[in-house]
N, C-alpha and C. Protein backbone atom coordinates (compact mmCIF):
# COMPACT_ATOMS: atom_id res chain seq x y z
N MET A 1 23.45 -43.37 45.39
CA MET A 1 22.09 -43.39 44.88
C MET A 1 22.17 -43.44 43.37
N ALA A 2 21.45 -44.35 42.79
CA ALA A 2 21.50 -44.53 41.34
C ALA A 2 20.60 -43.50 40.67
N PRO A 3 21.08 -42.95 39.55
CA PRO A 3 20.25 -41.97 38.83
C PRO A 3 19.00 -42.63 38.26
N THR A 4 17.93 -41.88 38.26
CA THR A 4 16.68 -42.40 37.69
C THR A 4 16.49 -41.79 36.31
N SER A 5 15.87 -42.51 35.48
CA SER A 5 15.63 -41.98 34.14
C SER A 5 14.24 -41.35 34.06
N TYR A 6 14.11 -40.42 33.16
CA TYR A 6 12.84 -39.72 32.98
C TYR A 6 11.91 -40.55 32.11
N GLN A 7 10.68 -40.64 32.54
CA GLN A 7 9.68 -41.33 31.73
C GLN A 7 8.49 -40.38 31.58
N SER A 8 8.12 -40.10 30.35
CA SER A 8 7.02 -39.17 30.12
C SER A 8 5.72 -39.77 30.66
N PRO A 9 4.83 -38.90 31.11
CA PRO A 9 3.57 -39.40 31.66
C PRO A 9 2.75 -40.12 30.58
N SER A 10 2.04 -41.12 31.01
CA SER A 10 1.16 -41.83 30.09
C SER A 10 -0.27 -41.49 30.43
N ARG A 11 -1.19 -41.89 29.59
CA ARG A 11 -2.60 -41.50 29.76
C ARG A 11 -3.18 -41.82 31.13
N GLY A 12 -2.87 -42.92 31.70
CA GLY A 12 -3.47 -43.33 32.96
C GLY A 12 -2.88 -42.68 34.19
N ASP A 13 -1.75 -41.95 34.07
CA ASP A 13 -1.06 -41.39 35.22
C ASP A 13 -1.90 -40.37 35.99
N LYS A 14 -2.76 -39.63 35.31
CA LYS A 14 -3.52 -38.57 35.98
C LYS A 14 -5.01 -38.88 35.98
N ALA A 15 -5.34 -40.14 36.04
CA ALA A 15 -6.73 -40.56 35.97
C ALA A 15 -7.57 -40.01 37.12
N ASP A 16 -6.94 -39.74 38.27
CA ASP A 16 -7.70 -39.26 39.42
C ASP A 16 -7.95 -37.76 39.38
N LYS A 17 -7.35 -37.06 38.46
CA LYS A 17 -7.53 -35.61 38.38
C LYS A 17 -8.51 -35.28 37.26
N THR A 18 -9.45 -34.41 37.56
CA THR A 18 -10.44 -34.02 36.57
C THR A 18 -10.02 -32.70 35.95
N THR A 19 -10.15 -32.62 34.66
CA THR A 19 -9.86 -31.35 33.98
C THR A 19 -11.14 -30.82 33.39
N TYR A 20 -11.21 -29.50 33.23
CA TYR A 20 -12.38 -28.86 32.66
C TYR A 20 -11.93 -28.02 31.48
N SER A 21 -12.45 -28.32 30.33
CA SER A 21 -12.10 -27.53 29.17
C SER A 21 -13.31 -26.71 28.74
N GLN A 22 -13.04 -25.71 27.95
CA GLN A 22 -14.14 -24.90 27.44
C GLN A 22 -14.87 -25.68 26.37
N SER A 23 -16.14 -25.44 26.31
CA SER A 23 -16.94 -26.07 25.26
C SER A 23 -17.61 -24.96 24.47
N ALA A 24 -18.15 -25.32 23.34
CA ALA A 24 -18.89 -24.33 22.55
C ALA A 24 -20.02 -23.75 23.40
N GLU A 25 -20.66 -24.60 24.21
CA GLU A 25 -21.76 -24.14 25.05
C GLU A 25 -21.29 -23.13 26.08
N SER A 26 -20.16 -23.41 26.75
CA SER A 26 -19.68 -22.47 27.77
C SER A 26 -19.18 -21.18 27.15
N ASN A 27 -18.57 -21.28 25.98
CA ASN A 27 -18.06 -20.07 25.32
C ASN A 27 -19.18 -19.21 24.77
N LEU A 28 -20.29 -19.82 24.40
CA LEU A 28 -21.37 -19.07 23.77
C LEU A 28 -22.52 -18.78 24.71
N SER A 29 -22.45 -19.24 25.96
CA SER A 29 -23.58 -19.05 26.87
C SER A 29 -23.92 -17.57 27.04
N HIS A 30 -22.91 -16.72 27.10
CA HIS A 30 -23.17 -15.30 27.26
C HIS A 30 -23.85 -14.71 26.04
N SER A 31 -23.65 -15.31 24.87
CA SER A 31 -24.26 -14.75 23.67
C SER A 31 -25.76 -15.01 23.65
N GLN A 32 -26.25 -15.85 24.55
CA GLN A 32 -27.68 -16.14 24.63
C GLN A 32 -28.38 -15.29 25.68
N THR A 33 -27.65 -14.40 26.34
CA THR A 33 -28.23 -13.55 27.36
C THR A 33 -29.14 -12.50 26.72
N THR A 34 -30.31 -12.31 27.31
CA THR A 34 -31.29 -11.39 26.73
C THR A 34 -31.32 -10.05 27.47
N VAL A 35 -31.98 -9.10 26.83
CA VAL A 35 -32.19 -7.78 27.41
C VAL A 35 -32.98 -7.91 28.72
N ALA A 36 -33.93 -8.83 28.75
CA ALA A 36 -34.74 -9.03 29.97
C ALA A 36 -33.87 -9.37 31.16
N LYS A 37 -32.85 -10.19 30.94
CA LYS A 37 -31.94 -10.58 32.03
C LYS A 37 -31.21 -9.36 32.58
N LEU A 38 -30.78 -8.47 31.69
CA LEU A 38 -30.10 -7.25 32.13
C LEU A 38 -31.08 -6.37 32.91
N LEU A 39 -32.31 -6.24 32.42
CA LEU A 39 -33.29 -5.39 33.09
C LEU A 39 -33.68 -5.92 34.47
N GLU A 40 -33.58 -7.24 34.68
CA GLU A 40 -33.89 -7.82 35.99
C GLU A 40 -33.03 -7.18 37.07
N GLY A 41 -31.76 -6.97 36.77
CA GLY A 41 -30.85 -6.38 37.75
C GLY A 41 -30.88 -4.87 37.75
N LYS A 42 -31.06 -4.28 36.59
CA LYS A 42 -31.00 -2.83 36.46
C LYS A 42 -32.29 -2.15 36.88
N GLY A 43 -33.41 -2.77 36.57
CA GLY A 43 -34.70 -2.15 36.83
C GLY A 43 -35.25 -1.54 35.55
N ASP A 44 -36.47 -1.06 35.65
CA ASP A 44 -37.15 -0.58 34.45
C ASP A 44 -37.43 0.92 34.48
N ALA A 45 -36.69 1.66 35.28
CA ALA A 45 -36.89 3.11 35.37
C ALA A 45 -36.63 3.77 34.02
N VAL A 46 -37.57 4.62 33.63
CA VAL A 46 -37.45 5.36 32.37
C VAL A 46 -37.70 6.83 32.68
N PHE A 47 -36.78 7.68 32.28
CA PHE A 47 -36.97 9.12 32.47
C PHE A 47 -37.38 9.70 31.13
N SER A 48 -38.56 10.31 31.13
CA SER A 48 -39.07 10.84 29.87
C SER A 48 -39.50 12.29 30.02
N VAL A 49 -39.55 12.95 28.88
CA VAL A 49 -40.00 14.34 28.79
C VAL A 49 -41.02 14.42 27.66
N ARG A 50 -41.67 15.56 27.55
CA ARG A 50 -42.65 15.78 26.48
C ARG A 50 -42.01 16.59 25.34
N PRO A 51 -42.52 16.45 24.13
CA PRO A 51 -41.95 17.16 22.98
C PRO A 51 -41.92 18.69 23.14
N ASN A 52 -42.88 19.25 23.86
CA ASN A 52 -42.93 20.71 24.00
C ASN A 52 -42.15 21.24 25.21
N ASP A 53 -41.50 20.35 25.98
CA ASP A 53 -40.65 20.81 27.08
C ASP A 53 -39.45 21.57 26.51
N THR A 54 -38.85 22.40 27.35
CA THR A 54 -37.68 23.17 26.89
C THR A 54 -36.39 22.37 27.13
N ILE A 55 -35.39 22.73 26.38
CA ILE A 55 -34.07 22.10 26.56
C ILE A 55 -33.54 22.43 27.95
N HIS A 56 -33.86 23.60 28.44
CA HIS A 56 -33.44 23.98 29.80
C HIS A 56 -33.95 22.98 30.83
N SER A 57 -35.21 22.59 30.73
CA SER A 57 -35.76 21.63 31.70
C SER A 57 -35.10 20.25 31.52
N VAL A 58 -34.80 19.89 30.28
CA VAL A 58 -34.13 18.60 30.03
C VAL A 58 -32.73 18.59 30.63
N VAL A 59 -32.01 19.69 30.46
CA VAL A 59 -30.66 19.78 31.02
C VAL A 59 -30.70 19.58 32.53
N ASN A 60 -31.69 20.18 33.18
CA ASN A 60 -31.84 20.00 34.63
C ASN A 60 -32.15 18.55 34.99
N THR A 61 -33.00 17.91 34.21
CA THR A 61 -33.33 16.50 34.46
C THR A 61 -32.10 15.62 34.29
N LEU A 62 -31.34 15.85 33.21
CA LEU A 62 -30.12 15.07 32.98
C LEU A 62 -29.15 15.22 34.15
N LYS A 63 -29.02 16.43 34.64
CA LYS A 63 -28.11 16.71 35.76
C LYS A 63 -28.61 16.06 37.05
N GLU A 64 -29.88 16.25 37.38
CA GLU A 64 -30.43 15.72 38.62
C GLU A 64 -30.41 14.20 38.66
N LYS A 65 -30.76 13.58 37.55
CA LYS A 65 -30.84 12.12 37.50
C LYS A 65 -29.52 11.46 37.17
N ARG A 66 -28.53 12.27 36.80
CA ARG A 66 -27.20 11.78 36.42
C ARG A 66 -27.30 10.75 35.29
N ILE A 67 -28.01 11.16 34.24
CA ILE A 67 -28.20 10.32 33.06
C ILE A 67 -27.75 11.06 31.82
N GLY A 68 -27.60 10.34 30.72
CA GLY A 68 -27.09 10.93 29.50
C GLY A 68 -28.13 11.15 28.41
N ALA A 69 -29.34 10.68 28.64
CA ALA A 69 -30.40 10.87 27.64
C ALA A 69 -31.76 10.70 28.30
N VAL A 70 -32.77 11.29 27.66
CA VAL A 70 -34.15 11.11 28.09
C VAL A 70 -34.96 10.65 26.90
N LEU A 71 -35.99 9.88 27.19
CA LEU A 71 -36.92 9.48 26.14
C LEU A 71 -37.99 10.55 26.02
N VAL A 72 -38.48 10.74 24.83
CA VAL A 72 -39.54 11.71 24.59
C VAL A 72 -40.81 10.91 24.33
N THR A 73 -41.83 11.17 25.15
CA THR A 73 -43.09 10.44 25.04
C THR A 73 -44.26 11.41 24.91
N ASP A 74 -45.36 10.91 24.36
CA ASP A 74 -46.57 11.73 24.32
C ASP A 74 -47.34 11.56 25.63
N GLN A 75 -48.51 12.16 25.71
CA GLN A 75 -49.29 12.11 26.95
C GLN A 75 -49.72 10.71 27.34
N ASN A 76 -49.71 9.78 26.38
CA ASN A 76 -50.07 8.38 26.66
C ASN A 76 -48.86 7.50 26.95
N GLY A 77 -47.69 8.10 26.95
CA GLY A 77 -46.47 7.33 27.23
C GLY A 77 -45.88 6.65 26.01
N ALA A 78 -46.40 6.94 24.82
CA ALA A 78 -45.87 6.34 23.60
C ALA A 78 -44.56 7.05 23.20
N LEU A 79 -43.60 6.27 22.78
CA LEU A 79 -42.29 6.79 22.40
C LEU A 79 -42.39 7.68 21.16
N GLN A 80 -41.87 8.90 21.30
CA GLN A 80 -41.84 9.85 20.19
C GLN A 80 -40.42 10.11 19.69
N GLY A 81 -39.44 9.95 20.60
CA GLY A 81 -38.06 10.23 20.23
C GLY A 81 -37.15 10.05 21.42
N ILE A 82 -35.90 10.47 21.21
CA ILE A 82 -34.90 10.41 22.28
C ILE A 82 -34.03 11.66 22.15
N LEU A 83 -33.57 12.16 23.27
CA LEU A 83 -32.72 13.35 23.29
C LEU A 83 -31.55 13.09 24.22
N SER A 84 -30.34 13.24 23.70
CA SER A 84 -29.14 12.95 24.48
C SER A 84 -28.33 14.21 24.72
N GLU A 85 -27.37 14.08 25.62
CA GLU A 85 -26.44 15.17 25.89
C GLU A 85 -25.74 15.61 24.60
N ARG A 86 -25.36 14.64 23.79
CA ARG A 86 -24.68 14.95 22.53
C ARG A 86 -25.55 15.83 21.63
N ASP A 87 -26.85 15.49 21.55
CA ASP A 87 -27.76 16.29 20.73
C ASP A 87 -27.77 17.74 21.21
N ILE A 88 -27.81 17.93 22.51
CA ILE A 88 -27.87 19.27 23.09
C ILE A 88 -26.57 20.02 22.85
N VAL A 89 -25.44 19.35 23.05
CA VAL A 89 -24.14 20.01 22.85
C VAL A 89 -23.97 20.43 21.39
N ARG A 90 -24.37 19.57 20.48
CA ARG A 90 -24.26 19.92 19.05
C ARG A 90 -25.11 21.15 18.72
N ARG A 91 -26.33 21.19 19.28
CA ARG A 91 -27.20 22.35 19.02
C ARG A 91 -26.62 23.61 19.65
N MET A 92 -25.99 23.47 20.82
CA MET A 92 -25.38 24.63 21.47
C MET A 92 -24.27 25.20 20.59
N ALA A 93 -23.56 24.34 19.88
CA ALA A 93 -22.51 24.80 18.98
C ALA A 93 -23.12 25.56 17.79
N ASP A 94 -24.29 25.11 17.34
CA ASP A 94 -24.96 25.74 16.20
C ASP A 94 -25.72 27.00 16.57
N THR A 95 -26.26 27.04 17.78
CA THR A 95 -27.06 28.20 18.22
C THR A 95 -26.60 28.66 19.60
N PRO A 96 -25.35 29.17 19.69
CA PRO A 96 -24.82 29.56 21.00
C PRO A 96 -25.70 30.62 21.69
N GLY A 97 -25.98 30.35 22.96
CA GLY A 97 -26.76 31.29 23.76
C GLY A 97 -28.25 31.24 23.46
N GLN A 98 -28.68 30.40 22.53
CA GLN A 98 -30.09 30.37 22.15
C GLN A 98 -30.70 28.97 22.26
N THR A 99 -29.97 28.04 22.83
CA THR A 99 -30.39 26.64 22.83
C THR A 99 -31.38 26.32 23.94
N LEU A 100 -31.14 26.80 25.14
CA LEU A 100 -31.95 26.39 26.29
C LEU A 100 -33.44 26.66 26.15
N PRO A 101 -33.88 27.76 25.51
CA PRO A 101 -35.32 27.97 25.37
C PRO A 101 -35.97 27.12 24.27
N GLN A 102 -35.19 26.47 23.43
CA GLN A 102 -35.75 25.68 22.33
C GLN A 102 -36.52 24.48 22.87
N SER A 103 -37.39 23.92 22.04
CA SER A 103 -38.21 22.79 22.49
C SER A 103 -37.53 21.47 22.16
N VAL A 104 -37.89 20.47 22.93
CA VAL A 104 -37.34 19.13 22.77
C VAL A 104 -37.59 18.62 21.36
N GLU A 105 -38.80 18.83 20.83
CA GLU A 105 -39.13 18.28 19.51
C GLU A 105 -38.25 18.84 18.40
N ASP A 106 -37.62 19.99 18.63
CA ASP A 106 -36.73 20.57 17.62
C ASP A 106 -35.36 19.89 17.60
N LEU A 107 -35.00 19.21 18.67
CA LEU A 107 -33.67 18.59 18.76
C LEU A 107 -33.70 17.07 18.80
N MET A 108 -34.82 16.50 19.20
CA MET A 108 -34.86 15.06 19.44
C MET A 108 -34.64 14.24 18.16
N THR A 109 -34.12 13.05 18.37
CA THR A 109 -34.02 12.07 17.29
C THR A 109 -35.36 11.35 17.23
N ARG A 110 -35.99 11.39 16.07
CA ARG A 110 -37.32 10.80 15.93
C ARG A 110 -37.26 9.33 15.53
N ASP A 111 -36.29 8.96 14.73
CA ASP A 111 -36.15 7.58 14.27
C ASP A 111 -35.30 6.83 15.29
N VAL A 112 -35.96 6.31 16.32
CA VAL A 112 -35.26 5.70 17.44
C VAL A 112 -35.15 4.19 17.24
N LYS A 113 -33.94 3.68 17.37
CA LYS A 113 -33.73 2.23 17.35
C LYS A 113 -34.14 1.70 18.72
N THR A 114 -34.95 0.65 18.70
CA THR A 114 -35.42 0.06 19.95
C THR A 114 -35.10 -1.43 19.95
N CYS A 115 -35.28 -2.03 21.12
CA CYS A 115 -35.12 -3.48 21.24
C CYS A 115 -36.28 -4.01 22.09
N THR A 116 -36.34 -5.33 22.20
CA THR A 116 -37.36 -5.96 23.02
C THR A 116 -36.66 -6.74 24.14
N PRO A 117 -37.39 -7.12 25.18
CA PRO A 117 -36.78 -7.90 26.26
C PRO A 117 -36.19 -9.23 25.78
N ASP A 118 -36.72 -9.77 24.69
CA ASP A 118 -36.25 -11.06 24.19
C ASP A 118 -35.01 -10.96 23.30
N ASP A 119 -34.61 -9.75 22.92
CA ASP A 119 -33.43 -9.58 22.06
C ASP A 119 -32.17 -10.00 22.81
N LEU A 120 -31.22 -10.53 22.07
CA LEU A 120 -29.95 -10.94 22.66
C LEU A 120 -29.05 -9.74 22.87
N LEU A 121 -28.37 -9.70 24.02
CA LEU A 121 -27.51 -8.56 24.34
C LEU A 121 -26.42 -8.36 23.29
N ASN A 122 -25.85 -9.44 22.79
CA ASN A 122 -24.80 -9.30 21.78
C ASN A 122 -25.31 -8.57 20.55
N GLU A 123 -26.53 -8.85 20.14
CA GLU A 123 -27.11 -8.19 18.97
C GLU A 123 -27.38 -6.71 19.26
N VAL A 124 -27.88 -6.43 20.46
CA VAL A 124 -28.15 -5.05 20.85
C VAL A 124 -26.85 -4.26 20.90
N LEU A 125 -25.82 -4.85 21.48
CA LEU A 125 -24.52 -4.20 21.57
C LEU A 125 -23.97 -3.90 20.17
N LYS A 126 -24.13 -4.84 19.26
CA LYS A 126 -23.68 -4.67 17.89
C LYS A 126 -24.42 -3.50 17.23
N THR A 127 -25.74 -3.44 17.40
CA THR A 127 -26.55 -2.37 16.83
C THR A 127 -26.12 -1.02 17.38
N MET A 128 -25.90 -0.95 18.70
CA MET A 128 -25.50 0.32 19.32
C MET A 128 -24.12 0.76 18.84
N THR A 129 -23.22 -0.20 18.72
CA THR A 129 -21.86 0.13 18.30
C THR A 129 -21.85 0.60 16.85
N GLU A 130 -22.54 -0.13 15.99
CA GLU A 130 -22.58 0.24 14.57
C GLU A 130 -23.30 1.57 14.36
N GLY A 131 -24.36 1.82 15.14
CA GLY A 131 -25.12 3.06 15.02
C GLY A 131 -24.50 4.23 15.75
N ARG A 132 -23.48 3.95 16.54
CA ARG A 132 -22.77 4.98 17.31
C ARG A 132 -23.70 5.75 18.25
N PHE A 133 -24.55 5.00 18.96
CA PHE A 133 -25.38 5.62 19.99
C PHE A 133 -25.28 4.76 21.25
N ARG A 134 -25.61 5.38 22.39
CA ARG A 134 -25.36 4.73 23.68
C ARG A 134 -26.61 4.36 24.46
N HIS A 135 -27.78 4.75 23.99
CA HIS A 135 -29.02 4.50 24.73
C HIS A 135 -30.04 3.84 23.81
N MET A 136 -30.71 2.80 24.32
CA MET A 136 -31.73 2.12 23.51
C MET A 136 -32.96 1.82 24.36
N PRO A 137 -34.11 2.36 23.95
CA PRO A 137 -35.36 2.05 24.65
C PRO A 137 -35.74 0.59 24.43
N VAL A 138 -36.38 0.01 25.43
CA VAL A 138 -36.85 -1.37 25.37
C VAL A 138 -38.38 -1.33 25.31
N LEU A 139 -38.93 -1.96 24.27
CA LEU A 139 -40.37 -1.99 24.09
C LEU A 139 -40.89 -3.41 24.21
N ARG A 140 -41.96 -3.57 24.98
CA ARG A 140 -42.66 -4.86 25.07
C ARG A 140 -44.08 -4.62 24.55
N ASP A 141 -44.40 -5.30 23.48
CA ASP A 141 -45.71 -5.13 22.83
C ASP A 141 -45.99 -3.66 22.51
N GLY A 142 -44.96 -2.95 22.06
CA GLY A 142 -45.11 -1.55 21.67
C GLY A 142 -45.10 -0.55 22.81
N HIS A 143 -44.98 -1.03 24.06
CA HIS A 143 -44.98 -0.14 25.22
C HIS A 143 -43.59 -0.10 25.86
N LEU A 144 -43.19 1.08 26.30
CA LEU A 144 -41.89 1.23 26.96
C LEU A 144 -41.83 0.40 28.23
N CYS A 145 -40.76 -0.36 28.38
CA CYS A 145 -40.61 -1.13 29.63
C CYS A 145 -39.20 -0.98 30.19
N GLY A 146 -38.41 -0.07 29.62
CA GLY A 146 -37.06 0.17 30.13
C GLY A 146 -36.20 0.84 29.10
N VAL A 147 -34.99 1.12 29.50
CA VAL A 147 -33.98 1.66 28.58
C VAL A 147 -32.65 1.08 29.01
N ILE A 148 -31.82 0.70 28.04
CA ILE A 148 -30.50 0.19 28.38
C ILE A 148 -29.45 1.05 27.70
N THR A 149 -28.29 1.09 28.33
CA THR A 149 -27.18 1.84 27.77
C THR A 149 -26.06 0.87 27.41
N ILE A 150 -25.16 1.36 26.59
CA ILE A 150 -24.02 0.53 26.22
C ILE A 150 -23.20 0.21 27.48
N GLY A 151 -23.18 1.16 28.42
CA GLY A 151 -22.49 0.93 29.69
C GLY A 151 -23.15 -0.18 30.50
N ASP A 152 -24.49 -0.24 30.47
CA ASP A 152 -25.21 -1.32 31.16
C ASP A 152 -24.79 -2.68 30.60
N VAL A 153 -24.73 -2.76 29.26
CA VAL A 153 -24.39 -4.02 28.61
C VAL A 153 -22.98 -4.45 28.96
N VAL A 154 -22.04 -3.50 28.90
CA VAL A 154 -20.64 -3.82 29.22
C VAL A 154 -20.52 -4.23 30.69
N HIS A 155 -21.15 -3.49 31.59
CA HIS A 155 -21.10 -3.80 33.02
C HIS A 155 -21.68 -5.19 33.27
N PHE A 156 -22.83 -5.49 32.65
CA PHE A 156 -23.48 -6.78 32.83
C PHE A 156 -22.56 -7.90 32.35
N ARG A 157 -21.94 -7.70 31.21
CA ARG A 157 -21.05 -8.73 30.65
C ARG A 157 -19.83 -8.93 31.54
N LEU A 158 -19.28 -7.86 32.10
CA LEU A 158 -18.14 -8.00 33.01
C LEU A 158 -18.52 -8.80 34.24
N LYS A 159 -19.73 -8.56 34.78
CA LYS A 159 -20.20 -9.34 35.93
C LYS A 159 -20.34 -10.81 35.56
N GLU A 160 -20.84 -11.08 34.35
CA GLU A 160 -20.94 -12.47 33.89
C GLU A 160 -19.56 -13.13 33.83
N LEU A 161 -18.59 -12.39 33.30
CA LEU A 161 -17.22 -12.94 33.20
C LEU A 161 -16.63 -13.20 34.58
N GLU A 162 -16.86 -12.28 35.52
CA GLU A 162 -16.37 -12.48 36.88
C GLU A 162 -16.98 -13.74 37.49
N TYR A 163 -18.28 -13.92 37.28
CA TYR A 163 -18.97 -15.09 37.81
C TYR A 163 -18.43 -16.37 37.17
N GLU A 164 -18.24 -16.33 35.84
CA GLU A 164 -17.69 -17.51 35.14
C GLU A 164 -16.29 -17.85 35.66
N ALA A 165 -15.47 -16.83 35.86
CA ALA A 165 -14.11 -17.06 36.36
C ALA A 165 -14.15 -17.66 37.76
N LEU A 166 -15.03 -17.15 38.61
CA LEU A 166 -15.16 -17.67 39.97
C LEU A 166 -15.62 -19.13 39.94
N ARG A 167 -16.59 -19.43 39.09
CA ARG A 167 -17.07 -20.79 38.95
C ARG A 167 -15.96 -21.74 38.49
N MET A 168 -15.18 -21.32 37.54
CA MET A 168 -14.09 -22.16 37.03
C MET A 168 -13.04 -22.36 38.11
N LYS A 169 -12.76 -21.31 38.87
CA LYS A 169 -11.79 -21.41 39.95
C LYS A 169 -12.26 -22.41 41.01
N GLN A 170 -13.56 -22.36 41.33
CA GLN A 170 -14.12 -23.28 42.31
C GLN A 170 -14.05 -24.72 41.80
N MET A 171 -14.25 -24.91 40.49
CA MET A 171 -14.17 -26.26 39.91
C MET A 171 -12.76 -26.81 40.01
N ILE A 172 -11.79 -25.94 39.75
CA ILE A 172 -10.40 -26.37 39.76
C ILE A 172 -9.93 -26.66 41.18
N VAL A 173 -10.28 -25.77 42.12
CA VAL A 173 -9.85 -25.93 43.51
C VAL A 173 -10.64 -27.04 44.20
N GLY A 174 -11.94 -27.08 43.96
CA GLY A 174 -12.81 -27.99 44.68
C GLY A 174 -12.97 -29.27 44.04
């Protein structure tokens, strides 16, 4: 049998095979995802308390609902502040044994960063990361319509990546 020589492939050799490369559009599609899209899957449940409630009642709510923060609203449902586990733990360090009877308004963060359903998730994630907070109320026309956490954003993005990977796999196989 005579030896064959190697010939490098030429452009036309793989004409029947389709390749898929990343494009700016496919790489940036996730950056166009909005808060509304995340809320579609998560829901719009908001757990709120009143400014004159006690920290003791908030601790019970956090435990029962398995959440890390509550929004503080007035009797009309308008956002007044936010109170997180971290806020409570810090106050417990400052006032040991005297924290639970204190009122929410004494511990809550009043200057709350919020977002809207139309805001891009990447921008919200950036704001949360830079501000070092994990919960952000969502306001539509000044009214509460949900709350998102940094965990929600990360979880949502991971699901998007899984879906993108599955789609690419199907393109390659199919």
